[in-house]
N, C-alpha and C. Protein backbone atom coordinates (compact mmCIF):
# COMPACT_ATOMS: atom_id res chain seq x y z
N MET A 1 -13.22 -4.76 8.59
CA MET A 1 -12.52 -5.89 8.04
C MET A 1 -12.74 -7.09 8.93
N MET A 2 -11.73 -7.94 9.09
CA MET A 2 -11.81 -9.07 9.99
C MET A 2 -11.44 -8.63 11.39
N SER A 3 -11.73 -9.46 12.38
CA SER A 3 -11.29 -9.17 13.74
C SER A 3 -9.85 -9.63 13.88
N GLN A 4 -8.91 -8.67 13.82
CA GLN A 4 -7.51 -9.03 13.85
C GLN A 4 -7.11 -9.65 15.18
N SER A 5 -7.89 -9.35 16.25
CA SER A 5 -7.56 -9.93 17.55
C SER A 5 -7.75 -11.44 17.55
N LEU A 6 -8.53 -11.97 16.61
CA LEU A 6 -8.79 -13.41 16.54
C LEU A 6 -7.87 -14.11 15.55
N MET A 7 -7.00 -13.36 14.88
CA MET A 7 -6.13 -13.94 13.86
C MET A 7 -4.69 -13.56 14.15
N SER A 8 -3.79 -14.48 13.91
CA SER A 8 -2.37 -14.20 14.06
C SER A 8 -1.90 -13.41 12.84
N PRO A 9 -0.74 -12.72 12.95
CA PRO A 9 -0.21 -12.01 11.78
C PRO A 9 -0.03 -12.94 10.58
N GLY A 10 0.41 -14.16 10.83
CA GLY A 10 0.59 -15.10 9.73
C GLY A 10 -0.72 -15.46 9.05
N GLU A 11 -1.78 -15.59 9.83
CA GLU A 11 -3.11 -15.90 9.27
C GLU A 11 -3.64 -14.73 8.46
N ILE A 12 -3.40 -13.51 8.94
CA ILE A 12 -3.83 -12.33 8.20
C ILE A 12 -3.08 -12.23 6.87
N ASP A 13 -1.76 -12.46 6.92
CA ASP A 13 -0.97 -12.44 5.69
C ASP A 13 -1.49 -13.48 4.70
N ALA A 14 -1.72 -14.70 5.18
CA ALA A 14 -2.17 -15.78 4.29
C ALA A 14 -3.53 -15.45 3.66
N LEU A 15 -4.44 -14.89 4.44
CA LEU A 15 -5.76 -14.55 3.93
C LEU A 15 -5.68 -13.45 2.88
N LEU A 16 -5.05 -12.33 3.22
CA LEU A 16 -5.07 -11.17 2.33
C LEU A 16 -4.19 -11.37 1.10
N PHE A 17 -2.99 -11.91 1.28
CA PHE A 17 -2.14 -12.12 0.11
C PHE A 17 -2.65 -13.29 -0.73
N GLY A 18 -3.38 -14.21 -0.12
CA GLY A 18 -4.02 -15.26 -0.89
C GLY A 18 -5.09 -14.70 -1.81
N LEU A 19 -5.85 -13.73 -1.30
CA LEU A 19 -6.87 -13.07 -2.14
C LEU A 19 -6.22 -12.35 -3.32
N LEU A 20 -5.11 -11.66 -3.06
CA LEU A 20 -4.43 -10.95 -4.15
C LEU A 20 -3.87 -11.94 -5.17
N ALA A 21 -3.31 -13.05 -4.69
CA ALA A 21 -2.74 -14.04 -5.61
C ALA A 21 -3.81 -14.59 -6.56
N LYS A 22 -5.02 -14.75 -6.06
CA LYS A 22 -6.11 -15.23 -6.91
C LYS A 22 -6.43 -14.24 -8.03
N ARG A 23 -6.10 -12.97 -7.80
CA ARG A 23 -6.28 -11.93 -8.81
C ARG A 23 -5.02 -11.75 -9.66
N GLY A 24 -3.99 -12.57 -9.40
CA GLY A 24 -2.75 -12.45 -10.15
C GLY A 24 -1.88 -11.29 -9.70
N ILE A 25 -2.02 -10.88 -8.44
CA ILE A 25 -1.29 -9.73 -7.92
C ILE A 25 -0.37 -10.16 -6.78
N ALA A 26 0.89 -9.68 -6.82
CA ALA A 26 1.86 -9.90 -5.74
C ALA A 26 1.98 -11.37 -5.36
N ASN A 27 2.13 -12.23 -6.36
CA ASN A 27 2.21 -13.66 -6.10
C ASN A 27 3.37 -14.03 -5.18
N ALA A 28 4.47 -13.32 -5.28
CA ALA A 28 5.64 -13.63 -4.46
C ALA A 28 5.34 -13.46 -2.97
N TRP A 29 4.42 -12.57 -2.65
CA TRP A 29 4.10 -12.31 -1.25
C TRP A 29 3.32 -13.47 -0.63
N SER A 30 2.46 -14.10 -1.39
CA SER A 30 1.61 -15.16 -0.84
C SER A 30 2.41 -16.41 -0.53
N GLY A 31 3.60 -16.54 -1.10
CA GLY A 31 4.40 -17.72 -0.87
C GLY A 31 5.36 -17.61 0.31
N LYS A 32 5.31 -16.50 1.04
CA LYS A 32 6.21 -16.29 2.17
C LYS A 32 5.47 -16.49 3.49
N SER A 33 6.13 -17.17 4.42
CA SER A 33 5.51 -17.36 5.74
C SER A 33 5.45 -16.05 6.51
N SER A 34 6.42 -15.16 6.28
CA SER A 34 6.42 -13.85 6.93
C SER A 34 6.89 -12.81 5.91
N PRO A 35 5.99 -12.36 5.02
CA PRO A 35 6.41 -11.42 3.97
C PRO A 35 6.95 -10.11 4.52
N ARG A 36 6.46 -9.67 5.68
CA ARG A 36 6.99 -8.43 6.26
C ARG A 36 8.47 -8.57 6.57
N ASP A 37 8.85 -9.67 7.18
CA ASP A 37 10.25 -9.89 7.51
C ASP A 37 11.09 -10.05 6.24
N ALA A 38 10.55 -10.74 5.25
CA ALA A 38 11.29 -10.95 4.01
C ALA A 38 11.51 -9.63 3.28
N LEU A 39 10.51 -8.76 3.29
CA LEU A 39 10.65 -7.45 2.65
C LEU A 39 11.70 -6.61 3.37
N ALA A 40 11.66 -6.62 4.70
CA ALA A 40 12.64 -5.87 5.48
C ALA A 40 14.05 -6.38 5.19
N GLU A 41 14.19 -7.68 5.03
CA GLU A 41 15.50 -8.26 4.74
C GLU A 41 16.00 -7.81 3.37
N GLU A 42 15.10 -7.73 2.39
CA GLU A 42 15.51 -7.23 1.08
C GLU A 42 16.00 -5.79 1.18
N CYS A 43 15.30 -4.97 1.94
CA CYS A 43 15.70 -3.57 2.10
C CYS A 43 17.05 -3.47 2.80
N ARG A 44 17.27 -4.30 3.81
CA ARG A 44 18.56 -4.28 4.52
C ARG A 44 19.69 -4.71 3.59
N GLY A 45 19.39 -5.65 2.70
CA GLY A 45 20.39 -6.06 1.73
C GLY A 45 20.79 -4.91 0.82
N LEU A 46 19.81 -4.14 0.38
CA LEU A 46 20.09 -2.97 -0.44
C LEU A 46 20.94 -1.96 0.33
N MET A 47 20.58 -1.73 1.58
CA MET A 47 21.27 -0.71 2.37
C MET A 47 22.67 -1.14 2.79
N SER A 48 22.97 -2.41 2.68
CA SER A 48 24.32 -2.87 2.99
C SER A 48 25.31 -2.49 1.90
N ASP A 49 24.80 -2.07 0.74
CA ASP A 49 25.63 -1.62 -0.37
C ASP A 49 25.89 -0.13 -0.18
N SER A 50 27.12 0.24 0.10
CA SER A 50 27.44 1.64 0.39
C SER A 50 27.15 2.55 -0.79
N THR A 51 27.33 2.04 -2.01
CA THR A 51 27.03 2.87 -3.19
C THR A 51 25.55 3.15 -3.29
N PHE A 52 24.73 2.11 -3.10
CA PHE A 52 23.29 2.32 -3.12
C PHE A 52 22.87 3.30 -2.03
N ARG A 53 23.41 3.14 -0.84
CA ARG A 53 23.05 4.01 0.27
C ARG A 53 23.38 5.46 -0.05
N ALA A 54 24.55 5.70 -0.61
CA ALA A 54 24.94 7.07 -0.96
C ALA A 54 24.06 7.62 -2.08
N ASP A 55 23.77 6.77 -3.07
CA ASP A 55 22.91 7.21 -4.17
C ASP A 55 21.50 7.53 -3.67
N MET A 56 21.01 6.71 -2.75
CA MET A 56 19.68 6.96 -2.21
C MET A 56 19.64 8.25 -1.41
N ALA A 57 20.67 8.49 -0.62
CA ALA A 57 20.73 9.74 0.16
C ALA A 57 20.73 10.95 -0.77
N ALA A 58 21.47 10.87 -1.87
CA ALA A 58 21.51 11.98 -2.82
C ALA A 58 20.17 12.15 -3.52
N TYR A 59 19.53 11.02 -3.85
CA TYR A 59 18.23 11.09 -4.52
C TYR A 59 17.18 11.72 -3.61
N ILE A 60 17.14 11.31 -2.34
CA ILE A 60 16.15 11.86 -1.41
C ILE A 60 16.44 13.33 -1.12
N ALA A 61 17.71 13.70 -1.06
CA ALA A 61 18.05 15.10 -0.85
C ALA A 61 17.54 15.96 -2.01
N ALA A 62 17.60 15.41 -3.23
CA ALA A 62 17.13 16.14 -4.40
C ALA A 62 15.62 16.05 -4.58
N ASN A 63 14.99 15.06 -3.94
CA ASN A 63 13.54 14.85 -4.05
C ASN A 63 12.94 14.66 -2.66
N PRO A 64 12.97 15.69 -1.81
CA PRO A 64 12.52 15.52 -0.43
C PRO A 64 11.06 15.16 -0.28
N VAL A 65 10.26 15.40 -1.33
CA VAL A 65 8.83 15.08 -1.25
C VAL A 65 8.62 13.58 -1.03
N VAL A 66 9.55 12.75 -1.49
CA VAL A 66 9.39 11.31 -1.34
C VAL A 66 9.35 10.93 0.14
N SER A 67 10.35 11.35 0.88
CA SER A 67 10.40 11.02 2.31
C SER A 67 9.28 11.70 3.08
N GLU A 68 9.03 12.98 2.79
CA GLU A 68 8.01 13.72 3.52
C GLU A 68 6.61 13.14 3.28
N SER A 69 6.34 12.73 2.05
CA SER A 69 5.00 12.22 1.75
C SER A 69 4.75 10.88 2.43
N LEU A 70 5.77 10.01 2.47
CA LEU A 70 5.60 8.74 3.18
C LEU A 70 5.34 8.98 4.65
N GLU A 71 6.07 9.91 5.26
CA GLU A 71 5.88 10.19 6.67
C GLU A 71 4.48 10.73 6.94
N THR A 72 3.98 11.58 6.03
CA THR A 72 2.64 12.15 6.19
C THR A 72 1.57 11.09 6.10
N VAL A 73 1.71 10.15 5.16
CA VAL A 73 0.73 9.07 5.03
C VAL A 73 0.74 8.20 6.27
N LEU A 74 1.90 7.92 6.82
CA LEU A 74 1.97 7.13 8.05
C LEU A 74 1.26 7.85 9.19
N ALA A 75 1.39 9.16 9.25
CA ALA A 75 0.67 9.93 10.27
C ALA A 75 -0.84 9.82 10.06
N GLN A 76 -1.28 9.89 8.79
CA GLN A 76 -2.70 9.76 8.48
C GLN A 76 -3.23 8.38 8.86
N LEU A 77 -2.45 7.34 8.61
CA LEU A 77 -2.86 5.99 8.97
C LEU A 77 -3.01 5.86 10.48
N ALA A 78 -2.08 6.43 11.22
CA ALA A 78 -2.15 6.38 12.69
C ALA A 78 -3.39 7.12 13.20
N PHE A 79 -3.71 8.24 12.58
CA PHE A 79 -4.88 9.01 12.99
C PHE A 79 -6.16 8.26 12.69
N SER A 80 -6.30 7.75 11.47
CA SER A 80 -7.55 7.09 11.08
C SER A 80 -7.79 5.82 11.88
N ALA A 81 -6.73 5.15 12.30
CA ALA A 81 -6.89 3.94 13.09
C ALA A 81 -7.40 4.25 14.49
N GLY A 82 -7.20 5.49 14.95
CA GLY A 82 -7.59 5.84 16.31
C GLY A 82 -8.94 6.52 16.42
N THR A 83 -9.59 6.81 15.31
CA THR A 83 -10.88 7.49 15.37
C THR A 83 -11.98 6.51 15.76
N ASP A 84 -13.03 7.04 16.40
CA ASP A 84 -14.13 6.19 16.82
C ASP A 84 -15.40 7.03 16.89
N VAL A 85 -16.54 6.36 16.79
CA VAL A 85 -17.85 7.03 16.82
C VAL A 85 -18.74 6.28 17.78
N PRO A 86 -19.45 6.97 18.67
CA PRO A 86 -20.37 6.28 19.59
C PRO A 86 -21.41 5.49 18.80
N PRO A 87 -21.77 4.29 19.26
CA PRO A 87 -22.68 3.43 18.51
C PRO A 87 -24.16 3.78 18.70
N SER A 88 -24.46 4.94 19.28
CA SER A 88 -25.85 5.27 19.58
C SER A 88 -26.69 5.48 18.33
N ASN A 89 -26.06 5.93 17.24
CA ASN A 89 -26.76 6.17 15.99
C ASN A 89 -26.30 5.11 14.97
N PRO A 90 -27.13 4.09 14.68
CA PRO A 90 -26.70 3.01 13.78
C PRO A 90 -26.26 3.51 12.40
N ARG A 91 -26.98 4.49 11.85
CA ARG A 91 -26.63 5.00 10.53
C ARG A 91 -25.27 5.68 10.58
N LEU A 92 -25.03 6.48 11.61
CA LEU A 92 -23.75 7.16 11.75
C LEU A 92 -22.63 6.14 11.96
N HIS A 93 -22.95 5.08 12.67
CA HIS A 93 -21.95 4.04 12.91
C HIS A 93 -21.56 3.37 11.58
N GLN A 94 -22.53 3.11 10.70
CA GLN A 94 -22.25 2.51 9.40
C GLN A 94 -21.39 3.44 8.55
N LEU A 95 -21.71 4.74 8.58
CA LEU A 95 -20.92 5.70 7.81
C LEU A 95 -19.50 5.81 8.36
N ALA A 96 -19.38 5.76 9.68
CA ALA A 96 -18.05 5.83 10.29
C ALA A 96 -17.23 4.60 9.91
N TYR A 97 -17.88 3.44 9.86
CA TYR A 97 -17.20 2.21 9.47
C TYR A 97 -16.64 2.35 8.05
N ARG A 98 -17.47 2.88 7.15
CA ARG A 98 -17.02 3.12 5.79
C ARG A 98 -15.92 4.17 5.77
N GLY A 99 -16.11 5.23 6.53
CA GLY A 99 -15.16 6.33 6.54
C GLY A 99 -13.79 5.93 7.05
N ARG A 100 -13.74 5.03 8.04
CA ARG A 100 -12.45 4.59 8.55
C ARG A 100 -11.64 3.85 7.48
N HIS A 101 -12.32 3.07 6.67
CA HIS A 101 -11.64 2.40 5.58
C HIS A 101 -11.15 3.42 4.54
N LEU A 102 -12.02 4.30 4.12
CA LEU A 102 -11.66 5.27 3.08
C LEU A 102 -10.57 6.22 3.56
N ALA A 103 -10.59 6.58 4.84
CA ALA A 103 -9.58 7.49 5.37
C ALA A 103 -8.19 6.88 5.31
N ARG A 104 -8.12 5.55 5.35
CA ARG A 104 -6.83 4.87 5.21
C ARG A 104 -6.48 4.62 3.75
N TRP A 105 -7.48 4.17 2.98
CA TRP A 105 -7.20 3.75 1.62
C TRP A 105 -6.80 4.90 0.70
N ILE A 106 -7.59 5.97 0.70
CA ILE A 106 -7.42 7.00 -0.33
C ILE A 106 -6.04 7.63 -0.32
N PRO A 107 -5.54 8.17 0.82
CA PRO A 107 -4.19 8.77 0.77
C PRO A 107 -3.10 7.77 0.44
N THR A 108 -3.28 6.53 0.87
CA THR A 108 -2.28 5.50 0.58
C THR A 108 -2.21 5.23 -0.91
N PHE A 109 -3.36 5.04 -1.55
CA PHE A 109 -3.37 4.77 -2.98
C PHE A 109 -2.86 5.96 -3.78
N LEU A 110 -3.18 7.18 -3.34
CA LEU A 110 -2.71 8.36 -4.05
C LEU A 110 -1.20 8.50 -3.95
N LEU A 111 -0.63 8.13 -2.81
CA LEU A 111 0.82 8.18 -2.66
C LEU A 111 1.51 7.28 -3.68
N ILE A 112 0.92 6.12 -3.94
CA ILE A 112 1.51 5.18 -4.88
C ILE A 112 1.46 5.73 -6.30
N ASP A 113 0.47 6.55 -6.59
CA ASP A 113 0.38 7.17 -7.91
C ASP A 113 1.38 8.31 -8.05
N GLY A 114 1.96 8.77 -6.93
CA GLY A 114 2.87 9.90 -6.96
C GLY A 114 4.27 9.55 -6.53
N PRO A 115 4.72 10.09 -5.39
CA PRO A 115 6.12 9.94 -4.98
C PRO A 115 6.59 8.49 -4.81
N LEU A 116 5.75 7.62 -4.23
CA LEU A 116 6.19 6.24 -4.04
C LEU A 116 6.32 5.53 -5.38
N GLY A 117 5.43 5.81 -6.30
CA GLY A 117 5.54 5.21 -7.63
C GLY A 117 6.82 5.62 -8.33
N ARG A 118 7.20 6.88 -8.19
CA ARG A 118 8.45 7.33 -8.80
C ARG A 118 9.66 6.65 -8.15
N LEU A 119 9.60 6.48 -6.83
CA LEU A 119 10.70 5.83 -6.13
C LEU A 119 10.90 4.39 -6.60
N LEU A 120 9.81 3.69 -6.87
CA LEU A 120 9.89 2.29 -7.25
C LEU A 120 10.10 2.07 -8.75
N ARG A 121 9.62 3.00 -9.58
CA ARG A 121 9.55 2.70 -11.01
C ARG A 121 10.36 3.62 -11.91
N GLN A 122 10.66 4.83 -11.49
CA GLN A 122 11.20 5.81 -12.42
C GLN A 122 12.65 6.19 -12.10
N ARG A 123 13.50 6.08 -13.08
CA ARG A 123 14.85 6.62 -12.93
C ARG A 123 14.75 8.14 -12.85
N PRO A 124 15.65 8.80 -12.09
CA PRO A 124 16.93 8.30 -11.60
C PRO A 124 16.89 7.66 -10.21
N SER A 125 15.73 7.23 -9.73
CA SER A 125 15.67 6.59 -8.42
C SER A 125 16.61 5.38 -8.37
N PRO A 126 17.53 5.32 -7.41
CA PRO A 126 18.41 4.15 -7.30
C PRO A 126 17.63 2.86 -7.06
N LEU A 127 16.52 2.94 -6.33
CA LEU A 127 15.72 1.75 -6.09
C LEU A 127 15.10 1.25 -7.39
N ALA A 128 14.59 2.15 -8.20
CA ALA A 128 14.02 1.76 -9.49
C ALA A 128 15.08 1.12 -10.37
N ARG A 129 16.30 1.64 -10.35
CA ARG A 129 17.38 1.06 -11.16
C ARG A 129 17.68 -0.37 -10.72
N HIS A 130 17.77 -0.59 -9.42
CA HIS A 130 18.07 -1.93 -8.92
C HIS A 130 16.96 -2.91 -9.26
N LEU A 131 15.70 -2.49 -9.12
CA LEU A 131 14.59 -3.41 -9.38
C LEU A 131 14.46 -3.75 -10.86
N SER A 132 14.92 -2.86 -11.72
CA SER A 132 14.82 -3.12 -13.15
C SER A 132 15.85 -4.13 -13.63
N THR A 133 16.92 -4.33 -12.85
CA THR A 133 17.98 -5.24 -13.28
C THR A 133 18.19 -6.43 -12.34
N SER A 134 17.56 -6.40 -11.16
CA SER A 134 17.81 -7.46 -10.17
C SER A 134 16.50 -8.00 -9.61
N TYR A 135 15.56 -8.37 -10.49
CA TYR A 135 14.23 -8.81 -10.07
C TYR A 135 14.33 -10.02 -9.13
N ALA A 136 15.15 -10.99 -9.51
CA ALA A 136 15.23 -12.23 -8.72
C ALA A 136 15.85 -12.00 -7.35
N GLN A 137 16.68 -11.00 -7.23
CA GLN A 137 17.35 -10.74 -5.96
C GLN A 137 16.43 -10.06 -4.95
N TYR A 138 15.43 -9.33 -5.45
CA TYR A 138 14.52 -8.59 -4.58
C TYR A 138 13.08 -8.91 -4.99
N PRO A 139 12.66 -10.16 -4.84
CA PRO A 139 11.35 -10.58 -5.39
C PRO A 139 10.16 -9.87 -4.77
N LEU A 140 10.18 -9.56 -3.47
CA LEU A 140 9.02 -8.91 -2.87
C LEU A 140 8.92 -7.45 -3.29
N LEU A 141 10.04 -6.75 -3.32
CA LEU A 141 10.03 -5.37 -3.79
C LEU A 141 9.60 -5.30 -5.26
N ALA A 142 10.15 -6.18 -6.08
CA ALA A 142 9.80 -6.17 -7.50
C ALA A 142 8.34 -6.56 -7.70
N SER A 143 7.86 -7.52 -6.92
CA SER A 143 6.46 -7.94 -7.02
C SER A 143 5.53 -6.81 -6.60
N ALA A 144 5.91 -6.06 -5.56
CA ALA A 144 5.10 -4.92 -5.13
C ALA A 144 5.08 -3.84 -6.21
N ARG A 145 6.24 -3.57 -6.79
CA ARG A 145 6.28 -2.59 -7.88
C ARG A 145 5.34 -2.99 -9.01
N ASP A 146 5.37 -4.26 -9.39
CA ASP A 146 4.50 -4.73 -10.46
C ASP A 146 3.03 -4.68 -10.05
N ALA A 147 2.76 -4.98 -8.77
CA ALA A 147 1.38 -4.94 -8.28
C ALA A 147 0.80 -3.54 -8.40
N PHE A 148 1.62 -2.52 -8.10
CA PHE A 148 1.13 -1.15 -8.15
C PHE A 148 0.89 -0.68 -9.57
N ASN A 149 1.41 -1.43 -10.54
CA ASN A 149 1.16 -1.11 -11.95
C ASN A 149 0.17 -2.08 -12.57
N ASN A 150 -0.38 -2.99 -11.76
CA ASN A 150 -1.37 -3.95 -12.24
C ASN A 150 -2.65 -3.23 -12.67
N ASP A 151 -3.29 -3.75 -13.70
CA ASP A 151 -4.47 -3.08 -14.26
C ASP A 151 -5.58 -2.92 -13.22
N LEU A 152 -5.84 -3.97 -12.43
CA LEU A 152 -6.89 -3.88 -11.41
C LEU A 152 -6.52 -2.84 -10.36
N PHE A 153 -5.26 -2.87 -9.91
CA PHE A 153 -4.85 -1.90 -8.90
C PHE A 153 -5.00 -0.48 -9.43
N ARG A 154 -4.60 -0.23 -10.66
CA ARG A 154 -4.69 1.11 -11.22
C ARG A 154 -6.15 1.56 -11.33
N LYS A 155 -7.04 0.65 -11.68
CA LYS A 155 -8.46 1.02 -11.76
C LYS A 155 -9.02 1.35 -10.38
N ILE A 156 -8.65 0.54 -9.37
CA ILE A 156 -9.10 0.82 -8.01
C ILE A 156 -8.54 2.16 -7.53
N ARG A 157 -7.25 2.36 -7.75
CA ARG A 157 -6.60 3.61 -7.35
C ARG A 157 -7.27 4.82 -8.01
N ASN A 158 -7.50 4.74 -9.31
CA ASN A 158 -8.10 5.87 -10.02
C ASN A 158 -9.55 6.10 -9.58
N GLY A 159 -10.26 5.01 -9.31
CA GLY A 159 -11.64 5.15 -8.86
C GLY A 159 -11.73 5.90 -7.54
N PHE A 160 -10.84 5.56 -6.60
CA PHE A 160 -10.83 6.28 -5.33
C PHE A 160 -10.33 7.70 -5.50
N ALA A 161 -9.33 7.90 -6.36
CA ALA A 161 -8.76 9.23 -6.56
C ALA A 161 -9.81 10.21 -7.07
N HIS A 162 -10.71 9.72 -7.92
CA HIS A 162 -11.73 10.59 -8.52
C HIS A 162 -13.10 10.43 -7.84
N TRP A 163 -13.14 9.75 -6.70
CA TRP A 163 -14.40 9.49 -6.00
C TRP A 163 -15.43 8.91 -6.95
N SER A 164 -14.98 7.98 -7.77
CA SER A 164 -15.85 7.39 -8.78
C SER A 164 -16.07 5.91 -8.45
N PHE A 165 -16.76 5.68 -7.34
CA PHE A 165 -17.01 4.31 -6.89
C PHE A 165 -18.30 4.29 -6.07
N THR A 166 -18.85 3.09 -5.94
CA THR A 166 -20.00 2.89 -5.05
C THR A 166 -19.64 1.84 -4.01
N TRP A 167 -20.29 1.96 -2.87
CA TRP A 167 -20.06 1.05 -1.74
C TRP A 167 -21.39 0.40 -1.41
N ARG A 168 -21.50 -0.90 -1.70
CA ARG A 168 -22.75 -1.61 -1.45
C ARG A 168 -22.56 -2.50 -0.22
N GLN A 169 -23.21 -2.12 0.87
CA GLN A 169 -23.08 -2.88 2.10
C GLN A 169 -23.88 -4.17 2.01
N GLU A 170 -23.23 -5.26 2.38
CA GLU A 170 -23.90 -6.55 2.43
C GLU A 170 -23.98 -7.01 3.87
N VAL A 171 -24.51 -8.19 4.10
CA VAL A 171 -24.76 -8.64 5.47
C VAL A 171 -23.48 -8.66 6.30
N ALA A 172 -22.43 -9.26 5.76
CA ALA A 172 -21.21 -9.42 6.55
C ALA A 172 -20.03 -8.63 6.00
N SER A 173 -20.22 -7.97 4.86
CA SER A 173 -19.09 -7.26 4.25
C SER A 173 -19.63 -6.16 3.35
N ALA A 174 -18.90 -5.87 2.28
CA ALA A 174 -19.32 -4.85 1.34
C ALA A 174 -18.72 -5.16 -0.02
N ARG A 175 -19.34 -4.64 -1.08
CA ARG A 175 -18.82 -4.73 -2.44
C ARG A 175 -18.56 -3.31 -2.92
N ILE A 176 -17.39 -3.12 -3.54
CA ILE A 176 -17.01 -1.81 -4.03
C ILE A 176 -16.92 -1.89 -5.55
N THR A 177 -17.66 -1.05 -6.22
CA THR A 177 -17.68 -1.02 -7.68
C THR A 177 -17.00 0.26 -8.15
N ILE A 178 -16.09 0.11 -9.09
CA ILE A 178 -15.31 1.22 -9.61
C ILE A 178 -15.83 1.60 -10.99
N PHE A 179 -15.97 2.92 -11.23
CA PHE A 179 -16.43 3.43 -12.51
C PHE A 179 -15.38 4.35 -13.12
N ASP A 180 -15.35 4.39 -14.45
CA ASP A 180 -14.50 5.36 -15.13
C ASP A 180 -15.03 6.76 -14.84
N PHE A 181 -14.15 7.64 -14.35
CA PHE A 181 -14.63 8.95 -13.89
C PHE A 181 -15.08 9.84 -15.04
N GLU A 182 -14.70 9.51 -16.28
CA GLU A 182 -15.11 10.33 -17.42
C GLU A 182 -16.35 9.76 -18.11
N SER A 183 -16.33 8.44 -18.39
CA SER A 183 -17.44 7.85 -19.14
C SER A 183 -18.56 7.33 -18.24
N GLY A 184 -18.23 7.02 -16.98
CA GLY A 184 -19.23 6.45 -16.08
C GLY A 184 -19.43 4.96 -16.24
N THR A 185 -18.65 4.31 -17.09
CA THR A 185 -18.79 2.87 -17.29
C THR A 185 -18.12 2.11 -16.14
N GLN A 186 -18.69 0.96 -15.80
CA GLN A 186 -18.11 0.15 -14.73
C GLN A 186 -16.80 -0.46 -15.19
N GLU A 187 -15.78 -0.39 -14.33
CA GLU A 187 -14.46 -0.89 -14.68
C GLU A 187 -14.01 -2.08 -13.84
N ALA A 188 -14.44 -2.13 -12.59
CA ALA A 188 -13.95 -3.20 -11.71
C ALA A 188 -14.88 -3.32 -10.52
N GLU A 189 -14.82 -4.48 -9.88
CA GLU A 189 -15.56 -4.69 -8.64
C GLU A 189 -14.72 -5.57 -7.73
N VAL A 190 -14.62 -5.18 -6.48
CA VAL A 190 -13.85 -5.95 -5.50
C VAL A 190 -14.65 -6.05 -4.22
N SER A 191 -14.32 -7.06 -3.45
CA SER A 191 -14.91 -7.18 -2.13
C SER A 191 -14.18 -6.24 -1.17
N LEU A 192 -14.77 -6.03 -0.01
CA LEU A 192 -14.12 -5.22 1.02
C LEU A 192 -12.77 -5.82 1.38
N LEU A 193 -12.69 -7.15 1.50
CA LEU A 193 -11.43 -7.79 1.86
C LEU A 193 -10.38 -7.64 0.77
N GLU A 194 -10.80 -7.69 -0.48
CA GLU A 194 -9.83 -7.50 -1.57
C GLU A 194 -9.28 -6.08 -1.57
N ALA A 195 -10.15 -5.10 -1.36
CA ALA A 195 -9.67 -3.72 -1.26
C ALA A 195 -8.75 -3.55 -0.06
N GLU A 196 -9.11 -4.19 1.05
CA GLU A 196 -8.26 -4.12 2.24
C GLU A 196 -6.92 -4.79 1.97
N ALA A 197 -6.92 -5.87 1.20
CA ALA A 197 -5.67 -6.55 0.87
C ALA A 197 -4.75 -5.65 0.04
N LEU A 198 -5.32 -4.91 -0.91
CA LEU A 198 -4.51 -3.98 -1.69
C LEU A 198 -3.91 -2.90 -0.80
N HIS A 199 -4.72 -2.41 0.14
CA HIS A 199 -4.20 -1.41 1.06
C HIS A 199 -3.16 -2.01 1.99
N TYR A 200 -3.38 -3.22 2.43
CA TYR A 200 -2.45 -3.89 3.34
C TYR A 200 -1.07 -4.03 2.69
N LEU A 201 -1.06 -4.49 1.44
CA LEU A 201 0.19 -4.58 0.69
C LEU A 201 0.85 -3.21 0.60
N SER A 202 0.08 -2.20 0.23
CA SER A 202 0.61 -0.86 0.05
C SER A 202 1.20 -0.31 1.34
N SER A 203 0.47 -0.47 2.44
CA SER A 203 0.93 0.10 3.70
C SER A 203 2.17 -0.62 4.23
N LEU A 204 2.27 -1.94 4.00
CA LEU A 204 3.46 -2.67 4.41
C LEU A 204 4.70 -2.18 3.64
N VAL A 205 4.53 -1.94 2.35
CA VAL A 205 5.64 -1.43 1.55
C VAL A 205 6.04 -0.04 2.04
N ILE A 206 5.06 0.81 2.29
CA ILE A 206 5.34 2.17 2.77
C ILE A 206 6.09 2.14 4.09
N ARG A 207 5.56 1.38 5.04
CA ARG A 207 6.19 1.32 6.37
C ARG A 207 7.61 0.76 6.30
N THR A 208 7.79 -0.29 5.52
CA THR A 208 9.09 -0.93 5.47
C THR A 208 10.13 -0.05 4.77
N LEU A 209 9.75 0.56 3.66
CA LEU A 209 10.68 1.47 3.00
C LEU A 209 11.04 2.64 3.90
N ASP A 210 10.06 3.13 4.64
CA ASP A 210 10.32 4.24 5.56
C ASP A 210 11.29 3.82 6.66
N GLU A 211 11.04 2.65 7.26
CA GLU A 211 11.85 2.20 8.40
C GLU A 211 13.23 1.72 7.99
N GLU A 212 13.30 0.98 6.88
CA GLU A 212 14.54 0.30 6.53
C GLU A 212 15.44 1.07 5.57
N ILE A 213 14.88 2.06 4.86
CA ILE A 213 15.69 2.80 3.89
C ILE A 213 15.66 4.30 4.16
N LEU A 214 14.47 4.90 4.10
CA LEU A 214 14.42 6.36 4.17
C LEU A 214 14.91 6.92 5.48
N ARG A 215 14.52 6.32 6.59
CA ARG A 215 14.95 6.83 7.88
C ARG A 215 16.47 6.66 8.10
N LYS A 216 17.09 5.83 7.30
CA LYS A 216 18.53 5.61 7.45
C LYS A 216 19.36 6.53 6.56
N VAL A 217 18.69 7.25 5.67
CA VAL A 217 19.42 8.20 4.83
C VAL A 217 18.93 9.63 5.00
N VAL A 218 17.84 9.81 5.75
CA VAL A 218 17.26 11.15 5.96
C VAL A 218 17.26 11.46 7.44
N HIS A 219 17.77 12.63 7.81
CA HIS A 219 17.70 13.07 9.21
C HIS A 219 16.38 13.78 9.42
N ARG A 220 15.58 13.27 10.36
CA ARG A 220 14.31 13.92 10.70
C ARG A 220 14.42 14.48 12.11
N GLY A 221 13.87 15.63 12.28
CA GLY A 221 14.02 16.31 13.55
C GLY A 221 13.20 15.74 14.68
N ASN A 222 12.23 14.82 14.39
CA ASN A 222 11.40 14.27 15.46
C ASN A 222 11.77 12.83 15.76
C-alpha cells in the first residue's frame, strides 16, 4: 500500500475514505476529521444505555460465535502484519507482497458476510435494531452497515471468498479484477488502494466494535 510512516492518520483516512466516497461508499466517513474517534463515540453512546447493554450481553451469550470470530480475525490481522520474507528472491518478494494483502483481506471480508453482518443487519441483534430506527444518531455505524451491503463491496467480497479474481501488478500498484465464480464473467475492477480502503473500513469497524462494545459485555479469559 502506501508508506504509512510518511502519512499521518488523518491523511490516511482522507485518502482511503475519499476513494470510497468516489465510489458512493461510506460517505459519512469521508466527512469526518477523525472517523475512528467518531465511531468509538457512537459505540460509547450505545453502551451508555443500560437496556442496550443488557440486550447486547444476552445476544452475545446466545450467539458466542460473534465475539469469538471478531477476536480470531483480529489475531489473524496481527499475524499477517508481522510476517516478512527476505528480499533475496524478487519473485518470492512479489508473491509475499501480494500474500500479505490477501492474508488480511480475505478473512476480514468473510467475517462481514457472516457473524459481523448478522450483528449489524439482522434481528434479533440489538445493534441491528438500533441502526434500523436511529440512522441519524449513529451515522458512521449505519454508513458502515450500508457499505457492507453495497453492490461493489459484495462483488469484491464474493470474488475473494471464491478465489475468483486476478491480480495484475503495475509499476507502482496493482489492479484487481473480480469475476463471477459460476459464469466467469467480469463483475468489478478496483485498484489496490480501493481494495485496501474497503479493508481499512472493515477492520476499523471490527476493532472498534470489539473494543467499545463486545469486550464490555463479554468476559474473556485472556
